Amino acid sequence: MRNQTDSVDPCLVVARNLKALRKARELTQEQLAEKAELHVNYVGGIERGERNATIRNIKKLAKALGVPMSVLVDESATAPSAQP
């Protein structure tokens, strides 16, 4: 039996969670990229769902945002009822 999250693209899960956390912390993509020691274009690509972030970079982003890695891959945050 499939649930609602089976059809969600994992890149979009990370994209939505990353963008929401960054905005909640009032950080620009540039500021987040600097804190995570990543290129700003890479961070932007992840937020648009165009880049498939490695587990190492998810860890860097989570650390820069002060959250566990699991928060960035939490599918429940992107369930249809939680989408804008």
Protein backbone atom coordinates (compact mmCIF):
# COMPACT_ATOMS: atom_id res chain seq x y z
CA MET A 1 0.00 0.00 0.00
CA ARG A 2 1.38 3.41 -0.98
CA ASN A 3 1.10 6.50 1.14
CA GLN A 4 1.05 10.15 0.06
CA THR A 5 4.81 10.61 0.43
CA ASP A 6 5.70 7.77 -1.97
CA SER A 7 5.16 10.05 -4.95
CA VAL A 8 7.06 13.05 -3.56
CA ASP A 9 10.40 13.72 -5.24
CA PRO A 10 13.06 13.59 -2.49
CA CYS A 11 14.83 16.60 -4.03
CA LEU A 12 11.64 18.62 -3.63
CA VAL A 13 11.28 17.50 -0.01
CA VAL A 14 14.76 18.84 0.78
CA ALA A 15 14.11 21.94 -1.34
CA ARG A 16 10.94 22.94 0.50
CA ASN A 17 12.31 22.19 3.95
CA LEU A 18 15.59 23.99 3.27
CA LYS A 19 13.90 27.11 1.93
CA ALA A 20 11.39 27.23 4.79
CA LEU A 21 14.12 26.88 7.43
CA ARG A 22 16.36 29.45 5.75
CA LYS A 23 13.54 31.99 5.54
CA ALA A 24 12.46 31.29 9.14
CA ARG A 25 16.00 32.19 10.21
CA GLU A 26 15.95 35.28 8.00
CA LEU A 27 19.03 34.17 6.06
CA THR A 28 19.75 34.86 2.43
CA GLN A 29 20.97 32.06 0.20
CA GLU A 30 24.36 33.75 0.25
CA GLN A 31 24.49 33.79 4.05
CA LEU A 32 23.44 30.15 4.29
CA ALA A 33 25.96 29.12 1.65
CA GLU A 34 28.73 30.89 3.53
CA LYS A 35 27.78 29.27 6.85
CA ALA A 36 27.59 25.85 5.21
CA GLU A 37 30.79 26.39 3.20
CA LEU A 38 28.95 25.72 -0.06
CA HIS A 39 28.62 27.74 -3.26
CA VAL A 40 25.56 29.98 -3.41
CA ASN A 41 24.58 28.59 -6.84
CA TYR A 42 24.57 25.08 -5.38
CA VAL A 43 22.34 26.14 -2.47
CA GLY A 44 19.97 27.87 -4.91
CA GLY A 45 19.86 24.75 -7.06
CA ILE A 46 18.96 22.61 -4.05
CA GLU A 47 16.19 25.04 -3.06
CA ARG A 48 14.73 24.89 -6.57
CA GLY A 49 14.85 21.09 -6.55
CA GLU A 50 17.31 21.10 -9.45
CA ARG A 51 20.24 19.64 -7.52
CA ASN A 52 20.42 16.33 -5.71
CA ALA A 53 22.28 17.23 -2.50
CA THR A 54 24.74 14.68 -1.15
CA ILE A 55 24.36 13.45 2.39
CA ARG A 56 27.53 15.37 3.30
CA ASN A 57 26.05 18.61 2.04
CA ILE A 58 22.73 17.95 3.75
CA LYS A 59 24.74 17.59 6.95
CA LYS A 60 26.54 20.90 6.29
CA LEU A 61 23.26 22.69 5.61
CA ALA A 62 21.59 21.22 8.68
CA LYS A 63 24.52 22.27 10.85
CA ALA A 64 24.44 25.80 9.39
CA LEU A 65 20.72 25.98 10.17
CA GLY A 66 21.11 24.47 13.64
CA VAL A 67 18.83 21.49 13.02
CA PRO A 68 19.28 17.72 12.79
CA MET A 69 19.66 16.35 9.26
CA SER A 70 16.34 14.56 9.64
CA VAL A 71 14.51 17.90 9.55
CA LEU A 72 15.68 18.54 5.99
CA VAL A 73 14.40 15.18 4.75
CA ASP A 74 11.14 15.17 6.73
CA GLU A 75 8.46 14.28 4.20
CA SER A 76 5.62 15.20 6.55
CA ALA A 77 6.53 18.86 6.14
CA THR A 78 5.72 18.58 2.43
CA ALA A 79 2.44 16.67 2.63
CA PRO A 80 -0.25 18.21 0.39
CA SER A 81 -2.05 19.66 3.39
CA ALA A 82 1.12 21.48 4.49
CA GLN A 83 1.91 22.96 1.07
CA PRO A 84 1.20 26.65 0.45
